[in-house]
Each structure stands twice: as structure tokens, then as C-alpha cells.
Amino acid sequence: MIVCHCHAISDRMLKQRIREGFVSLEALGACCGAGTCCGGCQPVLAELVREELAGSGGAVVAARNRLPVVQPGRAA
């Protein structure tokens, strides 16, 4: 499913980037452009981050990359 229509970025690609440690809206935007044009997909991006972090049991490599984590209930 396409999440970021401005840049034609799918949920599959975003989930992979999140698992690689891009766990903030800023980090996702920097790595692939998601959420950087109209911003309409930012709530979905934040939800994807929360879901992937919850599903990984904290095993996402965010700490290694020292990237800010999206907190539940808050957009980054």
C-alpha cells in the first residue's frame, strides 16, 4: 500500500527502513523523503513506527543509530 503519495513510498519500504533504525519522522524523511512534501502521511508514518517498534519487542536498532524514537501518542 502506498503511504506517501507525494513520493510513491510503500508501507513495505517504510517498515524495512524502520527496522533498520529510521524511527522518527525526521529520519524517515531524510532517508527516503516520506512525509516531507505535503505532510499528509505523517500520522500514518508515526503509526507505522509505533507498530514496528511494538512488534520488534524493542529490537529495532534505534539505540545503535542514536535516532530519536517516536513516542506513543506523539508525532516526532
PDB file of N, CA and C in Angstrom:
ATOM      1  N   MET A   1       0.845  -1.166   0.000  1.00  0.00           N
ATOM      2  CA  MET A   1       0.000   0.000   0.000  1.00  0.00           C
ATOM      3  C   MET A   1       0.903   1.246   0.000  1.00  0.00           C
ATOM      4  N   ILE A   2       0.551   2.216  -0.814  1.00  0.00           N
ATOM      5  CA  ILE A   2       1.301   3.470  -0.855  1.00  0.00           C
ATOM      6  C   ILE A   2       0.897   4.320   0.356  1.00  0.00           C
ATOM      7  N   VAL A   3       1.880   4.738   1.130  1.00  0.00           N
ATOM      8  CA  VAL A   3       1.641   5.575   2.306  1.00  0.00           C
ATOM      9  C   VAL A   3       1.913   7.032   1.962  1.00  0.00           C
ATOM     10  N   CYS A   4       3.053   7.293   1.373  1.00  0.00           N
ATOM     11  CA  CYS A   4       3.415   8.658   0.978  1.00  0.00           C
ATOM     12  C   CYS A   4       3.149   8.789  -0.519  1.00  0.00           C
ATOM     13  N   HIS A   5       2.048   9.439  -0.857  1.00  0.00           N
ATOM     14  CA  HIS A   5       1.667   9.574  -2.256  1.00  0.00           C
ATOM     15  C   HIS A   5       2.548  10.577  -2.991  1.00  0.00           C
ATOM     16  N   CYS A   6       3.053  11.566  -2.304  1.00  0.00           N
ATOM     17  CA  CYS A   6       3.907  12.568  -2.949  1.00  0.00           C
ATOM     18  C   CYS A   6       5.189  11.943  -3.505  1.00  0.00           C
ATOM     19  N   HIS A   7       5.705  10.934  -2.791  1.00  0.00           N
ATOM     20  CA  HIS A   7       6.954  10.295  -3.199  1.00  0.00           C
ATOM     21  C   HIS A   7       6.768   8.828  -3.571  1.00  0.00           C
ATOM     22  N   ALA A   8       5.519   8.364  -3.633  1.00  0.00           N
ATOM     23  CA  ALA A   8       5.187   6.983  -4.002  1.00  0.00           C
ATOM     24  C   ALA A   8       5.972   5.963  -3.166  1.00  0.00           C
ATOM     25  N   ILE A   9       5.859   6.086  -1.837  1.00  0.00           N
ATOM     26  CA  ILE A   9       6.591   5.203  -0.929  1.00  0.00           C
ATOM     27  C   ILE A   9       5.607   4.265  -0.245  1.00  0.00           C
ATOM     28  N   SER A  10       5.919   2.979  -0.317  1.00  0.00           N
ATOM     29  CA  SER A  10       5.018   1.950   0.207  1.00  0.00           C
ATOM     30  C   SER A  10       5.261   1.674   1.688  1.00  0.00           C
ATOM     31  N   ASP A  11       4.262   1.066   2.311  1.00  0.00           N
ATOM     32  CA  ASP A  11       4.391   0.657   3.708  1.00  0.00           C
ATOM     33  C   ASP A  11       5.491  -0.381   3.865  1.00  0.00           C
ATOM     34  N   ARG A  12       5.665  -1.259   2.876  1.00  0.00           N
ATOM     35  CA  ARG A  12       6.711  -2.279   2.949  1.00  0.00           C
ATOM     36  C   ARG A  12       8.096  -1.652   3.038  1.00  0.00           C
ATOM     37  N   MET A  13       8.337  -0.648   2.200  1.00  0.00           N
ATOM     38  CA  MET A  13       9.633   0.016   2.216  1.00  0.00           C
ATOM     39  C   MET A  13       9.835   0.767   3.523  1.00  0.00           C
ATOM     40  N   LEU A  14       8.784   1.427   4.003  1.00  0.00           N
ATOM     41  CA  LEU A  14       8.885   2.170   5.254  1.00  0.00           C
ATOM     42  C   LEU A  14       9.147   1.243   6.435  1.00  0.00           C
ATOM     43  N   LYS A  15       8.463   0.112   6.487  1.00  0.00           N
ATOM     44  CA  LYS A  15       8.677  -0.845   7.574  1.00  0.00           C
ATOM     45  C   LYS A  15      10.112  -1.352   7.576  1.00  0.00           C
ATOM     46  N   GLN A  16      10.670  -1.591   6.407  1.00  0.00           N
ATOM     47  CA  GLN A  16      12.062  -2.026   6.317  1.00  0.00           C
ATOM     48  C   GLN A  16      12.996  -0.945   6.854  1.00  0.00           C
ATOM     49  N   ARG A  17      12.758   0.295   6.475  1.00  0.00           N
ATOM     50  CA  ARG A  17      13.603   1.399   6.954  1.00  0.00           C
ATOM     51  C   ARG A  17      13.486   1.546   8.474  1.00  0.00           C
ATOM     52  N   ILE A  18      12.287   1.375   9.008  1.00  0.00           N
ATOM     53  CA  ILE A  18      12.094   1.453  10.459  1.00  0.00           C
ATOM     54  C   ILE A  18      12.892   0.349  11.144  1.00  0.00           C
ATOM     55  N   ARG A  19      12.841  -0.874  10.600  1.00  0.00           N
ATOM     56  CA  ARG A  19      13.607  -1.980  11.178  1.00  0.00           C
ATOM     57  C   ARG A  19      15.112  -1.728  11.098  1.00  0.00           C
ATOM     58  N   GLU A  20      15.530  -0.904  10.147  1.00  0.00           N
ATOM     59  CA  GLU A  20      16.947  -0.545  10.014  1.00  0.00           C
ATOM     60  C   GLU A  20      17.356   0.554  10.986  1.00  0.00           C
ATOM     61  N   GLY A  21      16.365   1.152  11.684  1.00  0.00           N
ATOM     62  CA  GLY A  21      16.686   2.140  12.696  1.00  0.00           C
ATOM     63  C   GLY A  21      16.212   3.548  12.413  1.00  0.00           C
ATOM     64  N   PHE A  22      15.533   3.774  11.295  1.00  0.00           N
ATOM     65  CA  PHE A  22      14.996   5.095  10.985  1.00  0.00           C
ATOM     66  C   PHE A  22      13.647   5.224  11.693  1.00  0.00           C
ATOM     67  N   VAL A  23      13.674   5.611  12.966  1.00  0.00           N
ATOM     68  CA  VAL A  23      12.493   5.526  13.817  1.00  0.00           C
ATOM     69  C   VAL A  23      11.946   6.874  14.265  1.00  0.00           C
ATOM     70  N   SER A  24      12.151   7.900  13.470  1.00  0.00           N
ATOM     71  CA  SER A  24      11.499   9.186  13.710  1.00  0.00           C
ATOM     72  C   SER A  24      11.019   9.697  12.363  1.00  0.00           C
ATOM     73  N   LEU A  25      10.079  10.627  12.394  1.00  0.00           N
ATOM     74  CA  LEU A  25       9.596  11.194  11.137  1.00  0.00           C
ATOM     75  C   LEU A  25      10.726  11.903  10.411  1.00  0.00           C
ATOM     76  N   GLU A  26      11.603  12.561  11.152  1.00  0.00           N
ATOM     77  CA  GLU A  26      12.732  13.244  10.544  1.00  0.00           C
ATOM     78  C   GLU A  26      13.683  12.263   9.876  1.00  0.00           C
ATOM     79  N   ALA A  27      13.956  11.147  10.548  1.00  0.00           N
ATOM     80  CA  ALA A  27      14.873  10.148   9.999  1.00  0.00           C
ATOM     81  C   ALA A  27      14.283   9.498   8.750  1.00  0.00           C
ATOM     82  N   LEU A  28      12.991   9.166   8.786  1.00  0.00           N
ATOM     83  CA  LEU A  28      12.353   8.588   7.602  1.00  0.00           C
ATOM     84  C   LEU A  28      12.362   9.578   6.452  1.00  0.00           C
ATOM     85  N   GLY A  29      12.087  10.840   6.750  1.00  0.00           N
ATOM     86  CA  GLY A  29      12.112  11.865   5.718  1.00  0.00           C
ATOM     87  C   GLY A  29      13.491  12.016   5.111  1.00  0.00           C
ATOM     88  N   ALA A  30      14.521  11.977   5.941  1.00  0.00           N
ATOM     89  CA  ALA A  30      15.889  12.122   5.456  1.00  0.00           C
ATOM     90  C   ALA A  30      16.322  10.931   4.607  1.00  0.00           C
ATOM     91  N   CYS A  31      15.875   9.734   4.960  1.00  0.00           N
ATOM     92  CA  CYS A  31      16.350   8.554   4.228  1.00  0.00           C
ATOM     93  C   CYS A  31      15.585   8.306   2.937  1.00  0.00           C
ATOM     94  N   CYS A  32      14.296   8.671   2.892  1.00  0.00           N
ATOM     95  CA  CYS A  32      13.534   8.336   1.681  1.00  0.00           C
ATOM     96  C   CYS A  32      12.570   9.425   1.230  1.00  0.00           C
ATOM     97  N   GLY A  33      12.461  10.503   1.977  1.00  0.00           N
ATOM     98  CA  GLY A  33      11.586  11.603   1.592  1.00  0.00           C
ATOM     99  C   GLY A  33      10.160  11.517   2.110  1.00  0.00           C
ATOM    100  N   ALA A  34       9.799  10.422   2.738  1.00  0.00           N
ATOM    101  CA  ALA A  34       8.428  10.246   3.225  1.00  0.00           C
ATOM    102  C   ALA A  34       8.061  11.344   4.209  1.00  0.00           C
ATOM    103  N   GLY A  35       6.889  11.935   4.016  1.00  0.00           N
ATOM    104  CA  GLY A  35       6.381  12.941   4.926  1.00  0.00           C
ATOM    105  C   GLY A  35       6.969  14.322   4.768  1.00  0.00           C
ATOM    106  N   THR A  36       7.786  14.532   3.743  1.00  0.00           N
ATOM    107  CA  THR A  36       8.481  15.816   3.613  1.00  0.00           C
ATOM    108  C   THR A  36       7.834  16.785   2.629  1.00  0.00           C
ATOM    109  N   CYS A  37       6.796  16.364   1.933  1.00  0.00           N
ATOM    110  CA  CYS A  37       6.185  17.251   0.946  1.00  0.00           C
ATOM    111  C   CYS A  37       4.919  17.876   1.540  1.00  0.00           C
ATOM    112  N   CYS A  38       3.791  17.222   1.441  1.00  0.00           N
ATOM    113  CA  CYS A  38       2.545  17.811   1.948  1.00  0.00           C
ATOM    114  C   CYS A  38       2.329  17.502   3.433  1.00  0.00           C
ATOM    115  N   GLY A  39       2.953  16.444   3.946  1.00  0.00           N
ATOM    116  CA  GLY A  39       2.815  16.079   5.354  1.00  0.00           C
ATOM    117  C   GLY A  39       1.575  15.276   5.681  1.00  0.00           C
ATOM    118  N   GLY A  40       0.740  15.004   4.692  1.00  0.00           N
ATOM    119  CA  GLY A  40      -0.496  14.274   4.939  1.00  0.00           C
ATOM    120  C   GLY A  40      -0.298  12.859   5.453  1.00  0.00           C
ATOM    121  N   CYS A  41       0.844  12.261   5.170  1.00  0.00           N
ATOM    122  CA  CYS A  41       1.092  10.877   5.590  1.00  0.00           C
ATOM    123  C   CYS A  41       1.768  10.791   6.953  1.00  0.00           C
ATOM    124  N   GLN A  42       2.126  11.898   7.566  1.00  0.00           N
ATOM    125  CA  GLN A  42       2.860  11.853   8.825  1.00  0.00           C
ATOM    126  C   GLN A  42       2.151  11.085   9.938  1.00  0.00           C
ATOM    127  N   PRO A  43       0.818  11.199  10.104  1.00  0.00           N
ATOM    128  CA  PRO A  43       0.172  10.380  11.131  1.00  0.00           C
ATOM    129  C   PRO A  43       0.320   8.876  10.855  1.00  0.00           C
ATOM    130  N   VAL A  44       0.253   8.487   9.595  1.00  0.00           N
ATOM    131  CA  VAL A  44       0.414   7.071   9.240  1.00  0.00           C
ATOM    132  C   VAL A  44       1.862   6.650   9.472  1.00  0.00           C
ATOM    133  N   LEU A  45       2.817   7.502   9.148  1.00  0.00           N
ATOM    134  CA  LEU A  45       4.227   7.191   9.396  1.00  0.00           C
ATOM    135  C   LEU A  45       4.468   6.955  10.882  1.00  0.00           C
ATOM    136  N   ALA A  46       3.928   7.829  11.720  1.00  0.00           N
ATOM    137  CA  ALA A  46       4.093   7.681  13.166  1.00  0.00           C
ATOM    138  C   ALA A  46       3.484   6.368  13.650  1.00  0.00           C
ATOM    139  N   GLU A  47       2.335   6.016  13.110  1.00  0.00           N
ATOM    140  CA  GLU A  47       1.686   4.752  13.492  1.00  0.00           C
ATOM    141  C   GLU A  47       2.519   3.551  13.047  1.00  0.00           C
ATOM    142  N   LEU A  48       3.074   3.599  11.853  1.00  0.00           N
ATOM    143  CA  LEU A  48       3.938   2.509  11.382  1.00  0.00           C
ATOM    144  C   LEU A  48       5.143   2.334  12.305  1.00  0.00           C
ATOM    145  N   VAL A  49       5.738   3.441  12.728  1.00  0.00           N
ATOM    146  CA  VAL A  49       6.877   3.368  13.643  1.00  0.00           C
ATOM    147  C   VAL A  49       6.454   2.710  14.947  1.00  0.00           C
ATOM    148  N   ARG A  50       5.340   3.148  15.517  1.00  0.00           N
ATOM    149  CA  ARG A  50       4.863   2.557  16.782  1.00  0.00           C
ATOM    150  C   ARG A  50       4.607   1.057  16.624  1.00  0.00           C
ATOM    151  N   GLU A  51       3.955   0.673  15.526  1.00  0.00           N
ATOM    152  CA  GLU A  51       3.650  -0.742  15.295  1.00  0.00           C
ATOM    153  C   GLU A  51       4.921  -1.576  15.146  1.00  0.00           C
ATOM    154  N   GLU A  52       5.870  -1.075  14.361  1.00  0.00           N
ATOM    155  CA  GLU A  52       7.113  -1.830  14.146  1.00  0.00           C
ATOM    156  C   GLU A  52       7.917  -1.941  15.426  1.00  0.00           C
ATOM    157  N   LEU A  53       7.975  -0.872  16.210  1.00  0.00           N
ATOM    158  CA  LEU A  53       8.707  -0.935  17.473  1.00  0.00           C
ATOM    159  C   LEU A  53       8.038  -1.897  18.445  1.00  0.00           C
ATOM    160  N   ALA A  54       6.726  -1.856  18.513  1.00  0.00           N
ATOM    161  CA  ALA A  54       5.997  -2.764  19.403  1.00  0.00           C
ATOM    162  C   ALA A  54       6.178  -4.208  18.955  1.00  0.00           C
ATOM    163  N   GLY A  55       6.118  -4.438  17.660  1.00  0.00           N
ATOM    164  CA  GLY A  55       6.260  -5.791  17.126  1.00  0.00           C
ATOM    165  C   GLY A  55       7.662  -6.350  17.245  1.00  0.00           C
ATOM    166  N   SER A  56       8.643  -5.476  17.358  1.00  0.00           N
ATOM    167  CA  SER A  56      10.031  -5.947  17.435  1.00  0.00           C
ATOM    168  C   SER A  56      10.456  -6.212  18.871  1.00  0.00           C
ATOM    169  N   GLY A  57       9.598  -5.873  19.813  1.00  0.00           N
ATOM    170  CA  GLY A  57       9.969  -6.041  21.215  1.00  0.00           C
ATOM    171  C   GLY A  57      11.151  -5.167  21.600  1.00  0.00           C
ATOM    172  N   GLY A  58      11.320  -4.037  20.900  1.00  0.00           N
ATOM    173  CA  GLY A  58      12.433  -3.138  21.197  1.00  0.00           C
ATOM    174  C   GLY A  58      13.718  -3.513  20.497  1.00  0.00           C
ATOM    175  N   ALA A  59      13.660  -4.509  19.610  1.00  0.00           N
ATOM    176  CA  ALA A  59      14.881  -4.981  18.949  1.00  0.00           C
ATOM    177  C   ALA A  59      15.309  -4.122  17.767  1.00  0.00           C
ATOM    178  N   VAL A  60      14.523  -3.122  17.406  1.00  0.00           N
ATOM    179  CA  VAL A  60      14.908  -2.224  16.325  1.00  0.00           C
ATOM    180  C   VAL A  60      16.191  -1.525  16.730  1.00  0.00           C
ATOM    181  N   VAL A  61      17.058  -1.266  15.778  1.00  0.00           N
ATOM    182  CA  VAL A  61      18.400  -0.769  16.059  1.00  0.00           C
ATOM    183  C   VAL A  61      18.460   0.730  16.344  1.00  0.00           C
ATOM    184  N   ALA A  62      17.403   1.317  16.870  1.00  0.00           N
ATOM    185  CA  ALA A  62      17.371   2.760  17.130  1.00  0.00           C
ATOM    186  C   ALA A  62      18.502   3.188  18.060  1.00  0.00           C
ATOM    187  N   ALA A  63      18.751   2.439  19.102  1.00  0.00           N
ATOM    188  CA  ALA A  63      19.783   2.826  20.058  1.00  0.00           C
ATOM    189  C   ALA A  63      21.148   2.875  19.387  1.00  0.00           C
ATOM    190  N   ARG A  64      21.416   1.937  18.514  1.00  0.00           N
ATOM    191  CA  ARG A  64      22.705   1.900  17.840  1.00  0.00           C
ATOM    192  C   ARG A  64      22.921   3.154  17.004  1.00  0.00           C
ATOM    193  N   ASN A  65      21.871   3.599  16.335  1.00  0.00           N
ATOM    194  CA  ASN A  65      21.976   4.768  15.468  1.00  0.00           C
ATOM    195  C   ASN A  65      21.705   6.083  16.192  1.00  0.00           C
ATOM    196  N   ARG A  66      21.331   6.005  17.475  1.00  0.00           N
ATOM    197  CA  ARG A  66      21.048   7.182  18.282  1.00  0.00           C
ATOM    198  C   ARG A  66      20.027   8.114  17.628  1.00  0.00           C
ATOM    199  N   LEU A  67      18.977   7.526  17.085  1.00  0.00           N
ATOM    200  CA  LEU A  67      17.919   8.305  16.462  1.00  0.00           C
ATOM    201  C   LEU A  67      16.782   8.484  17.451  1.00  0.00           C
ATOM    202  N   PRO A  68      16.132   9.654  17.458  1.00  0.00           N
ATOM    203  CA  PRO A  68      15.002   9.838  18.365  1.00  0.00           C
ATOM    204  C   PRO A  68      13.846   8.916  17.992  1.00  0.00           C
ATOM    205  N   VAL A  69      13.207   8.356  18.986  1.00  0.00           N
ATOM    206  CA  VAL A  69      12.128   7.406  18.778  1.00  0.00           C
ATOM    207  C   VAL A  69      10.787   8.140  18.859  1.00  0.00           C
ATOM    208  N   VAL A  70       9.868   7.776  17.996  1.00  0.00           N
ATOM    209  CA  VAL A  70       8.512   8.337  18.062  1.00  0.00           C
ATOM    210  C   VAL A  70       7.839   7.765  19.303  1.00  0.00           C
ATOM    211  N   GLN A  71       7.380   8.621  20.179  1.00  0.00           N
ATOM    212  CA  GLN A  71       6.723   8.188  21.393  1.00  0.00           C
ATOM    213  C   GLN A  71       5.253   7.917  21.126  1.00  0.00           C
ATOM    214  N   PRO A  72       4.668   6.906  21.760  1.00  0.00           N
ATOM    215  CA  PRO A  72       3.242   6.635  21.575  1.00  0.00           C
ATOM    216  C   PRO A  72       2.403   7.876  21.851  1.00  0.00           C
ATOM    217  N   GLY A  73       1.487   8.154  20.948  1.00  0.00           N
ATOM    218  CA  GLY A  73       0.604   9.288  21.128  1.00  0.00           C
ATOM    219  C   GLY A  73       1.196  10.624  20.707  1.00  0.00           C
ATOM    220  N   ARG A  74       2.418  10.605  20.216  1.00  0.00           N
ATOM    221  CA  ARG A  74       3.073  11.858  19.807  1.00  0.00           C
ATOM    222  C   ARG A  74       3.712  11.682  18.440  1.00  0.00           C
ATOM    223  N   ALA A  75       3.549  12.637  17.593  1.00  0.00           N
ATOM    224  CA  ALA A  75       4.307  12.659  16.351  1.00  0.00           C
ATOM    225  C   ALA A  75       5.661  13.261  16.675  1.00  0.00           C
ATOM    226  N   ALA A  76       6.675  12.823  15.959  1.00  0.00           N
ATOM    227  CA  ALA A  76       8.028  13.315  16.245  1.00  0.00           C
ATOM    228  C   ALA A  76       8.202  14.744  15.830  1.00  0.00           C
TER     229      ALA A  76
END
